[in-house]
C-alpha atoms as a PDB file:
ATOM      1  CA  MET A   1     148.702-184.793  31.273  1.00  0.00           C
ATOM      2  CA  LYS A   2     147.335-184.128  27.924  1.00  0.00           C
ATOM      3  CA  VAL A   3     144.265-185.630  29.117  1.00  0.00           C
ATOM      4  CA  HIS A   4     144.083-184.311  32.452  1.00  0.00           C
ATOM      5  CA  ARG A   5     144.294-180.922  30.591  1.00  0.00           C
ATOM      6  CA  ILE A   6     141.288-182.050  28.682  1.00  0.00           C
ATOM      7  CA  PHE A   7     139.436-183.076  31.377  1.00  0.00           C
ATOM      8  CA  THR A   8     140.044-179.660  32.665  1.00  0.00           C
ATOM      9  CA  ALA A   9     139.038-177.434  30.249  1.00  0.00           C
ATOM     10  CA  MET A  10     135.704-179.826  29.605  1.00  0.00           C
ATOM     11  CA  VAL A  11     134.467-179.030  33.524  1.00  0.00           C
ATOM     12  CA  LEU A  12     135.576-175.194  33.132  1.00  0.00           C
ATOM     13  CA  ILE A  13     133.051-175.215  29.706  1.00  0.00           C
ATOM     14  CA  SER A  14     130.394-177.142  31.447  1.00  0.00           C
ATOM     15  CA  ALA A  15     130.617-174.801  34.551  1.00  0.00           C
ATOM     16  CA  SER A  16     130.430-171.724  32.519  1.00  0.00           C
ATOM     17  CA  ALA A  17     127.328-173.312  30.502  1.00  0.00           C
ATOM     18  CA  GLY A  18     125.613-174.060  33.756  1.00  0.00           C
ATOM     19  CA  SER A  19     126.084-170.449  34.742  1.00  0.00           C
ATOM     20  CA  ALA A  20     124.688-169.067  31.633  1.00  0.00           C
ATOM     21  CA  ALA A  21     121.761-171.294  32.174  1.00  0.00           C
ATOM     22  CA  SER A  22     121.218-170.032  35.378  1.00  0.00           C
ATOM     23  CA  ALA A  23     121.229-166.706  34.229  1.00  0.00           C
ATOM     24  CA  ALA A  24     119.138-167.324  31.546  1.00  0.00           C
ATOM     25  CA  ASP A  25     116.502-168.541  34.252  1.00  0.00           C
ATOM     26  CA  LEU A  26     116.657-165.707  36.652  1.00  0.00           C
ATOM     27  CA  GLN A  27     116.143-162.886  33.496  1.00  0.00           C
ATOM     28  CA  GLN A  28     113.258-165.352  32.558  1.00  0.00           C
ATOM     29  CA  PRO A  29     110.213-163.922  34.808  1.00  0.00           C
ATOM     30  CA  PHE A  30     111.343-160.135  33.328  1.00  0.00           C
ATOM     31  CA  ILE A  31     110.772-161.160  29.117  1.00  0.00           C
ATOM     32  CA  ILE A  32     108.117-159.185  28.380  1.00  0.00           C
ATOM     33  CA  PRO A  33     105.348-161.443  26.580  1.00  0.00           C
ATOM     34  CA  GLU A  34     104.676-161.506  23.068  1.00  0.00           C
ATOM     35  CA  ALA A  35     101.203-159.562  21.963  1.00  0.00           C
ATOM     36  CA  LYS A  36      98.150-161.029  21.175  1.00  0.00           C
ATOM     37  CA  PRO A  37      95.568-160.306  19.214  1.00  0.00           C
ATOM     38  CA  ALA A  38      92.558-159.251  21.040  1.00  0.00           C
ATOM     39  CA  VAL A  39      89.772-161.642  21.369  1.00  0.00           C
ATOM     40  CA  SER A  40      86.184-160.407  20.897  1.00  0.00           C
ATOM     41  CA  ASP A  41      84.211-160.345  23.783  1.00  0.00           C
ATOM     42  CA  GLY A  42      80.837-160.923  21.138  1.00  0.00           C
ATOM     43  CA  TRP A  43      77.502-159.231  22.195  1.00  0.00           C
ATOM     44  CA  THR A  44      77.515-156.411  24.731  1.00  0.00           C
ATOM     45  CA  PHE A  45      74.177-155.038  25.924  1.00  0.00           C
ATOM     46  CA  ALA A  46      73.468-151.759  27.896  1.00  0.00           C
ATOM     47  CA  VAL A  47      70.365-150.300  29.567  1.00  0.00           C
ATOM     48  CA  SER A  48      69.590-146.735  30.514  1.00  0.00           C
ATOM     49  CA  PRO A  49      66.567-145.640  32.416  1.00  0.00           C
ATOM     50  CA  TYR A  50      66.993-141.467  33.079  1.00  0.00           C
ATOM     51  CA  PHE A  51      65.328-138.958  33.995  1.00  0.00           C
ATOM     52  CA  TRP A  52      64.638-135.323  32.023  1.00  0.00           C
ATOM     53  CA  GLY A  53      63.551-132.319  33.345  1.00  0.00           C
ATOM     54  CA  ALA A  54      62.618-131.001  30.361  1.00  0.00           C
ATOM     55  CA  GLY A  55      60.511-128.012  29.794  1.00  0.00           C
ATOM     56  CA  ILE A  56      58.010-127.209  26.407  1.00  0.00           C
ATOM     57  CA  SER A  57      57.695-124.316  23.845  1.00  0.00           C
ATOM     58  CA  GLY A  58      56.176-124.300  20.667  1.00  0.00           C
ATOM     59  CA  ASP A  59      52.739-124.159  19.129  1.00  0.00           C
ATOM     60  CA  VAL A  60      49.912-126.747  19.242  1.00  0.00           C
ATOM     61  CA  GLY A  61      46.718-127.532  17.404  1.00  0.00           C
ATOM     62  CA  GLN A  62      43.956-129.984  18.171  1.00  0.00           C
ATOM     63  CA  PHE A  63      40.558-130.395  17.556  1.00  0.00           C
ATOM     64  CA  GLY A  64      40.476-128.313  14.786  1.00  0.00           C
ATOM     65  CA  LEU A  65      41.520-125.016  16.610  1.00  0.00           C
ATOM     66  CA  PRO A  66      43.505-122.870  15.749  1.00  0.00           C
ATOM     67  CA  ALA A  67      46.870-123.623  16.784  1.00  0.00           C
ATOM     68  CA  VAL A  68      47.902-121.909  20.398  1.00  0.00           C
ATOM     69  CA  HIS A  69      51.516-121.270  21.809  1.00  0.00           C
ATOM     70  CA  LEU A  70      52.817-122.989  24.906  1.00  0.00           C
ATOM     71  CA  GLU A  71      55.646-121.971  26.933  1.00  0.00           C
ATOM     72  CA  SER A  72      56.339-124.569  30.161  1.00  0.00           C
ATOM     73  CA  ASP A  73      59.328-125.097  32.251  1.00  0.00           C
ATOM     74  CA  PHE A  74      59.334-128.513  33.752  1.00  0.00           C
ATOM     75  CA  GLY A  75      57.930-127.203  36.892  1.00  0.00           C
ATOM     76  CA  ASP A  76      54.724-126.510  35.613  1.00  0.00           C
ATOM     77  CA  ILE A  77      54.792-130.066  33.530  1.00  0.00           C
ATOM     78  CA  LEU A  78      55.539-131.377  36.897  1.00  0.00           C
ATOM     79  CA  LYS A  79      52.438-130.244  38.941  1.00  0.00           C
ATOM     80  CA  ASP A  80      50.150-132.551  36.283  1.00  0.00           C
ATOM     81  CA  LEU A  81      52.476-135.244  35.478  1.00  0.00           C
ATOM     82  CA  ASP A  82      50.876-138.630  35.840  1.00  0.00           C
ATOM     83  CA  PHE A  83      53.549-140.602  34.875  1.00  0.00           C
ATOM     84  CA  GLY A  84      57.077-140.607  32.767  1.00  0.00           C
ATOM     85  CA  PHE A  85      59.101-143.338  31.390  1.00  0.00           C
ATOM     86  CA  MET A  86      62.117-142.814  29.994  1.00  0.00           C
ATOM     87  CA  ALA A  87      65.630-145.145  28.516  1.00  0.00           C
ATOM     88  CA  VAL A  88      67.701-145.948  26.577  1.00  0.00           C
ATOM     89  CA  GLY A  89      69.074-149.532  25.143  1.00  0.00           C
ATOM     90  CA  GLU A  90      71.994-151.148  23.072  1.00  0.00           C
ATOM     91  CA  ALA A  91      73.292-154.060  21.503  1.00  0.00           C
ATOM     92  CA  ARG A  92      76.768-154.102  20.400  1.00  0.00           C
ATOM     93  CA  TYR A  93      78.832-156.482  18.442  1.00  0.00           C
ATOM     94  CA  ASP A  94      82.382-155.141  17.337  1.00  0.00           C
ATOM     95  CA  ARG A  95      81.643-151.997  15.649  1.00  0.00           C
ATOM     96  CA  PHE A  96      78.274-153.253  14.994  1.00  0.00           C
ATOM     97  CA  SER A  97      75.468-151.716  17.164  1.00  0.00           C
ATOM     98  CA  ILE A  98      71.392-151.833  17.483  1.00  0.00           C
ATOM     99  CA  PHE A  99      69.682-149.477  19.889  1.00  0.00           C
ATOM    100  CA  GLY A 100      66.519-147.596  20.499  1.00  0.00           C
ATOM    101  CA  ASP A 101      65.529-144.894  22.735  1.00  0.00           C
ATOM    102  CA  VAL A 102      61.418-144.841  24.617  1.00  0.00           C
ATOM    103  CA  ILE A 103      59.628-141.765  25.836  1.00  0.00           C
ATOM    104  CA  TYR A 104      56.334-141.498  27.077  1.00  0.00           C
ATOM    105  CA  THR A 105      54.769-138.895  29.757  1.00  0.00           C
ATOM    106  CA  LYS A 106      50.955-138.683  30.195  1.00  0.00           C
ATOM    107  CA  VAL A 107      49.542-135.120  31.833  1.00  0.00           C
ATOM    108  CA  SER A 108      46.149-134.205  33.036  1.00  0.00           C
ATOM    109  CA  SER A 109      45.223-131.085  33.896  1.00  0.00           C
ATOM    110  CA  GLY A 110      41.878-129.377  35.035  1.00  0.00           C
ATOM    111  CA  ALA A 111      39.931-126.013  35.416  1.00  0.00           C
ATOM    112  CA  SER A 112      36.792-125.009  37.128  1.00  0.00           C
ATOM    113  CA  THR A 113      34.526-122.683  34.571  1.00  0.00           C
ATOM    114  CA  PRO A 114      33.652-119.144  35.953  1.00  0.00           C
ATOM    115  CA  LEU A 115      29.589-119.403  35.701  1.00  0.00           C
ATOM    116  CA  GLY A 116      29.465-123.039  35.405  1.00  0.00           C
ATOM    117  CA  ILE A 117      26.829-122.764  32.948  1.00  0.00           C
ATOM    118  CA  VAL A 118      28.209-124.501  29.735  1.00  0.00           C
ATOM    119  CA  ALA A 119      30.468-126.902  32.033  1.00  0.00           C
ATOM    120  CA  GLU A 120      31.339-126.503  35.494  1.00  0.00           C
ATOM    121  CA  ARG A 121      34.726-128.116  35.093  1.00  0.00           C
ATOM    122  CA  VAL A 122      36.790-129.347  32.206  1.00  0.00           C
ATOM    123  CA  ASP A 123      39.782-131.930  32.476  1.00  0.00           C
ATOM    124  CA  ALA A 124      42.621-132.765  30.038  1.00  0.00           C
ATOM    125  CA  THR A 125      44.661-135.790  29.486  1.00  0.00           C
ATOM    126  CA  SER A 126      47.730-135.587  27.121  1.00  0.00           C
ATOM    127  CA  GLU A 127      50.216-138.312  25.964  1.00  0.00           C
ATOM    128  CA  THR A 128      52.806-138.532  23.955  1.00  0.00           C
ATOM    129  CA  PHE A 129      55.468-141.210  23.025  1.00  0.00           C
ATOM    130  CA  ALA A 130      58.155-141.117  21.099  1.00  0.00           C
ATOM    131  CA  GLY A 131      59.989-144.146  20.141  1.00  0.00           C
ATOM    132  CA  LEU A 132      63.720-144.556  18.468  1.00  0.00           C
ATOM    133  CA  VAL A 133      65.331-147.265  16.962  1.00  0.00           C
ATOM    134  CA  GLY A 134      68.134-147.948  14.717  1.00  0.00           C
ATOM    135  CA  ALA A 135      71.392-149.383  13.906  1.00  0.00           C
ATOM    136  CA  GLY A 136      75.215-148.117  13.829  1.00  0.00           C
ATOM    137  CA  TYR A 137      78.778-148.754  12.831  1.00  0.00           C
ATOM    138  CA  ALA A 138      81.477-147.385  14.217  1.00  0.00           C
ATOM    139  CA  VAL A 139      84.252-145.219  12.193  1.00  0.00           C
ATOM    140  CA  PHE A 140      86.230-144.768  15.164  1.00  0.00           C
ATOM    141  CA  GLN A 141      87.228-147.147  17.871  1.00  0.00           C
ATOM    142  CA  ASP A 142      89.595-147.276  20.605  1.00  0.00           C
ATOM    143  CA  GLY A 143      89.090-149.366  23.487  1.00  0.00           C
ATOM    144  CA  PRO A 144      85.899-148.507  25.227  1.00  0.00           C
ATOM    145  CA  SER A 145      85.839-145.007  22.861  1.00  0.00           C
ATOM    146  CA  ASN A 146      83.332-145.249  20.039  1.00  0.00           C
ATOM    147  CA  ILE A 147      81.840-143.101  16.850  1.00  0.00           C
ATOM    148  CA  ASP A 148      79.005-144.477  14.957  1.00  0.00           C
ATOM    149  CA  VAL A 149      76.857-143.030  12.189  1.00  0.00           C
ATOM    150  CA  VAL A 150      73.730-144.378  12.823  1.00  0.00           C
ATOM    151  CA  ALA A 151      70.487-144.393  11.101  1.00  0.00           C
ATOM    152  CA  GLY A 152      67.034-145.362  11.840  1.00  0.00           C
ATOM    153  CA  ALA A 153      63.589-144.462  12.511  1.00  0.00           C
ATOM    154  CA  ARG A 154      61.294-142.511  15.059  1.00  0.00           C
ATOM    155  CA  VAL A 155      57.727-143.322  15.779  1.00  0.00           C
ATOM    156  CA  TRP A 156      55.457-140.303  17.495  1.00  0.00           C
ATOM    157  CA  HIS A 157      52.064-140.312  19.139  1.00  0.00           C
ATOM    158  CA  ALA A 158      50.348-137.322  20.622  1.00  0.00           C
ATOM    159  CA  SER A 159      46.802-137.189  21.915  1.00  0.00           C
ATOM    160  CA  THR A 160      44.601-134.654  23.898  1.00  0.00           C
ATOM    161  CA  GLU A 161      41.053-136.077  25.677  1.00  0.00           C
ATOM    162  CA  ILE A 162      39.136-133.285  26.783  1.00  0.00           C
ATOM    163  CA  SER A 163      36.396-134.284  29.285  1.00  0.00           C
ATOM    164  CA  PHE A 164      33.081-131.514  30.785  1.00  0.00           C
ATOM    165  CA  SER A 165      31.276-132.028  33.799  1.00  0.00           C
ATOM    166  CA  GLY A 166      28.305-130.142  35.338  1.00  0.00           C
ATOM    167  CA  GLY A 167      26.552-127.550  33.169  1.00  0.00           C
ATOM    168  CA  LEU A 168      24.957-128.028  28.959  1.00  0.00           C
ATOM    169  CA  LEU A 169      28.185-130.496  28.312  1.00  0.00           C
ATOM    170  CA  GLY A 170      28.441-132.654  31.259  1.00  0.00           C
ATOM    171  CA  GLY A 171      29.529-136.304  30.616  1.00  0.00           C
ATOM    172  CA  VAL A 172      30.569-134.864  26.649  1.00  0.00           C
ATOM    173  CA  SER A 173      34.318-135.737  25.818  1.00  0.00           C
ATOM    174  CA  ALA A 174      36.289-135.597  23.048  1.00  0.00           C
ATOM    175  CA  LYS A 175      39.877-136.838  21.719  1.00  0.00           C
ATOM    176  CA  ASP A 176      42.171-136.029  19.136  1.00  0.00           C
ATOM    177  CA  SER A 177      45.523-137.481  18.383  1.00  0.00           C
ATOM    178  CA  ALA A 178      48.095-138.254  15.154  1.00  0.00           C
ATOM    179  CA  THR A 179      50.637-141.095  14.579  1.00  0.00           C
ATOM    180  CA  TRP A 180      53.737-140.298  12.499  1.00  0.00           C
ATOM    181  CA  VAL A 181      57.183-141.898  11.320  1.00  0.00           C
ATOM    182  CA  ASP A 182      60.095-140.050  10.229  1.00  0.00           C
ATOM    183  CA  ALA A 183      63.505-141.122   9.253  1.00  0.00           C
ATOM    184  CA  MET A 184      66.653-140.169  11.229  1.00  0.00           C
ATOM    185  CA  ALA A 185      70.686-140.213  10.920  1.00  0.00           C
ATOM    186  CA  GLY A 186      73.079-139.128  12.935  1.00  0.00           C
ATOM    187  CA  VAL A 187      76.539-139.861  15.033  1.00  0.00           C
ATOM    188  CA  ARG A 188      76.103-140.702  18.586  1.00  0.00           C
ATOM    189  CA  GLY A 189      79.466-141.806  20.947  1.00  0.00           C
ATOM    190  CA  ARG A 190      81.504-141.910  23.894  1.00  0.00           C
ATOM    191  CA  TYR A 191      85.150-140.594  24.512  1.00  0.00           C
ATOM    192  CA  PHE A 192      87.028-141.496  27.348  1.00  0.00           C
ATOM    193  CA  LEU A 193      89.098-138.900  29.204  1.00  0.00           C
ATOM    194  CA  THR A 194      90.707-141.041  31.549  1.00  0.00           C
ATOM    195  CA  ASP A 195      89.646-145.008  32.674  1.00  0.00           C
ATOM    196  CA  ASN A 196      86.717-143.552  34.210  1.00  0.00           C
ATOM    197  CA  LEU A 197      85.603-140.539  32.661  1.00  0.00           C
ATOM    198  CA  TYR A 198      83.742-139.997  29.738  1.00  0.00           C
ATOM    199  CA  LEU A 199      82.147-137.451  27.172  1.00  0.00           C
ATOM    200  CA  SER A 200      78.883-139.128  25.751  1.00  0.00           C
ATOM    201  CA  ALA A 201      76.821-137.061  22.925  1.00  0.00           C
ATOM    202  CA  TRP A 202      74.627-137.593  19.968  1.00  0.00           C
ATOM    203  CA  ALA A 203      73.070-135.467  17.174  1.00  0.00           C
ATOM    204  CA  LEU A 204      70.375-137.351  14.672  1.00  0.00           C
ATOM    205  CA  VAL A 205      68.161-134.997  12.673  1.00  0.00           C
ATOM    206  CA  GLY A 206      65.581-136.060  10.053  1.00  0.00           C
ATOM    207  CA  ALA A 207      61.990-135.957   8.486  1.00  0.00           C
ATOM    208  CA  GLY A 208      59.418-138.087   6.980  1.00  0.00           C
ATOM    209  CA  GLN A 209      55.438-137.445   7.759  1.00  0.00           C
ATOM    210  CA  ALA A 210      56.716-134.427  10.111  1.00  0.00           C
ATOM    211  CA  ASP A 211      58.631-131.644   8.351  1.00  0.00           C
ATOM    212  CA  LEU A 212      61.469-131.763  10.807  1.00  0.00           C
ATOM    213  CA  ASP A 213      62.515-133.898  12.962  1.00  0.00           C
ATOM    214  CA  TRP A 214      65.845-133.414  15.429  1.00  0.00           C
ATOM    215  CA  ASP A 215      67.907-134.364  18.708  1.00  0.00           C
ATOM    216  CA  LEU A 216      70.479-133.210  20.803  1.00  0.00           C
ATOM    217  CA  ALA A 217      72.491-134.240  23.355  1.00  0.00           C
ATOM    218  CA  ALA A 218      75.979-133.871  25.354  1.00  0.00           C
ATOM    219  CA  GLY A 219      76.710-135.196  28.794  1.00  0.00           C
ATOM    220  CA  ILE A 220      79.660-136.084  30.951  1.00  0.00           C
ATOM    221  CA  GLY A 221      79.645-139.141  32.829  1.00  0.00           C
ATOM    222  CA  TYR A 222      81.218-141.579  35.115  1.00  0.00           C
ATOM    223  CA  GLN A 223      82.250-145.324  35.039  1.00  0.00           C
ATOM    224  CA  PHE A 224      82.429-146.566  38.297  1.00  0.00           C
ATOM    225  CA  ASN A 225      83.183-150.245  37.138  1.00  0.00           C
ATOM    226  CA  ASP A 226      82.959-152.155  34.254  1.00  0.00           C
ATOM    227  CA  ARG A 227      78.880-152.486  34.822  1.00  0.00           C
ATOM    228  CA  ILE A 228      77.763-149.254  35.846  1.00  0.00           C
ATOM    229  CA  SER A 229      77.967-145.953  35.060  1.00  0.00           C
ATOM    230  CA  ALA A 230      76.193-142.519  35.689  1.00  0.00           C
ATOM    231  CA  VAL A 231      75.557-139.687  33.002  1.00  0.00           C
ATOM    232  CA  ALA A 232      74.390-136.026  33.300  1.00  0.00           C
ATOM    233  CA  GLY A 233      73.970-133.892  30.500  1.00  0.00           C
ATOM    234  CA  TYR A 234      71.666-131.703  28.262  1.00  0.00           C
ATOM    235  CA  ARG A 235      69.077-132.913  25.984  1.00  0.00           C
ATOM    236  CA  ALA A 236      67.118-130.970  23.543  1.00  0.00           C
ATOM    237  CA  LEU A 237      64.092-132.662  20.853  1.00  0.00           C
ATOM    238  CA  GLY A 238      62.699-131.027  18.322  1.00  0.00           C
ATOM    239  CA  VAL A 239      59.345-132.190  16.017  1.00  0.00           C
ATOM    240  CA  ASP A 240      57.437-129.749  13.595  1.00  0.00           C
ATOM    241  CA  TYR A 241      54.410-131.946  12.414  1.00  0.00           C
ATOM    242  CA  SER A 242      50.879-130.915  10.831  1.00  0.00           C
ATOM    243  CA  ASN A 243      48.486-132.471   9.048  1.00  0.00           C
ATOM    244  CA  ASP A 244      44.186-132.174   8.938  1.00  0.00           C
ATOM    245  CA  GLY A 245      44.464-129.731  11.578  1.00  0.00           C
ATOM    246  CA  PHE A 246      46.599-131.885  14.008  1.00  0.00           C
ATOM    247  CA  VAL A 247      49.761-128.971  15.003  1.00  0.00           C
ATOM    248  CA  PHE A 248      52.422-130.188  16.890  1.00  0.00           C
ATOM    249  CA  ASP A 249      55.673-127.789  16.593  1.00  0.00           C
ATOM    250  CA  VAL A 250      57.153-127.899  19.573  1.00  0.00           C
ATOM    251  CA  VAL A 251      60.930-127.975  20.961  1.00  0.00           C
ATOM    252  CA  GLN A 252      61.694-130.047  24.786  1.00  0.00           C
ATOM    253  CA  GLN A 253      64.438-129.145  26.328  1.00  0.00           C
ATOM    254  CA  GLY A 254      66.295-129.228  29.763  1.00  0.00           C
ATOM    255  CA  PRO A 255      68.943-131.038  31.502  1.00  0.00           C
ATOM    256  CA  ILE A 256      69.248-134.923  31.791  1.00  0.00           C
ATOM    257  CA  LEU A 257      70.718-137.628  34.430  1.00  0.00           C
ATOM    258  CA  GLY A 258      70.648-141.362  33.519  1.00  0.00           C
ATOM    259  CA  LEU A 259      71.667-144.529  35.092  1.00  0.00           C
ATOM    260  CA  VAL A 260      73.904-147.089  32.258  1.00  0.00           C
ATOM    261  CA  VAL A 261      73.798-150.848  33.325  1.00  0.00           C
ATOM    262  CA  ARG A 262      76.027-152.758  31.346  1.00  0.00           C
ATOM    263  CA  PHE A 263      76.026-156.481  30.969  1.00  0.00           C
END
């Protein structure tokens, strides 16, 4: 009888243990997995060609002549625009980044002279190049959002060529140009409002061979997927350079629209 009781107790204990094990097996899929540290994705890259509908205002002086004041909206410039290219590129690793910004425009215009004695026609071609290269460090980083402090240099080149046709000066042409470099520093970044919608901005200021060089922009972007985004906003860029009679003291500003490709 005693042996029977011991055997019965062992059976009950085994059954209870089996039930507990089965319950544990049923609950296991709902246990929250242990958090693991994020794994670095290494280098990431982004390229953003953009359109900038900028007008220009300021003072320009070339060929040893006194500076003249310019006021042209984008519509005026577009009529004479031969070619324009604008793009931003970035390489990022963790909190570190390297970036560049290129702006190139070529504008041509011409007009006939009233009498045609000195020249029957005058044609002018102007080219402007601004290339910025810099490096940054993220002082704030939260997922895809970041704010970087940045430093770099911008290279400027501006030139104008005037040519005469007909009259006493027919076949005569002249060109005046200048190239200069400015050190730049500031902040740039983007902040996600939702999983897809984000704010993007930068603010840079500097000087060097120019007395003042600055660049401000702000926009709103939408990320369609991990690779493609679109950004719309407003940008203003100014530079004050003068040397040996060459004056380029202008502000360019207007709406900006860009496409961002990440890989």
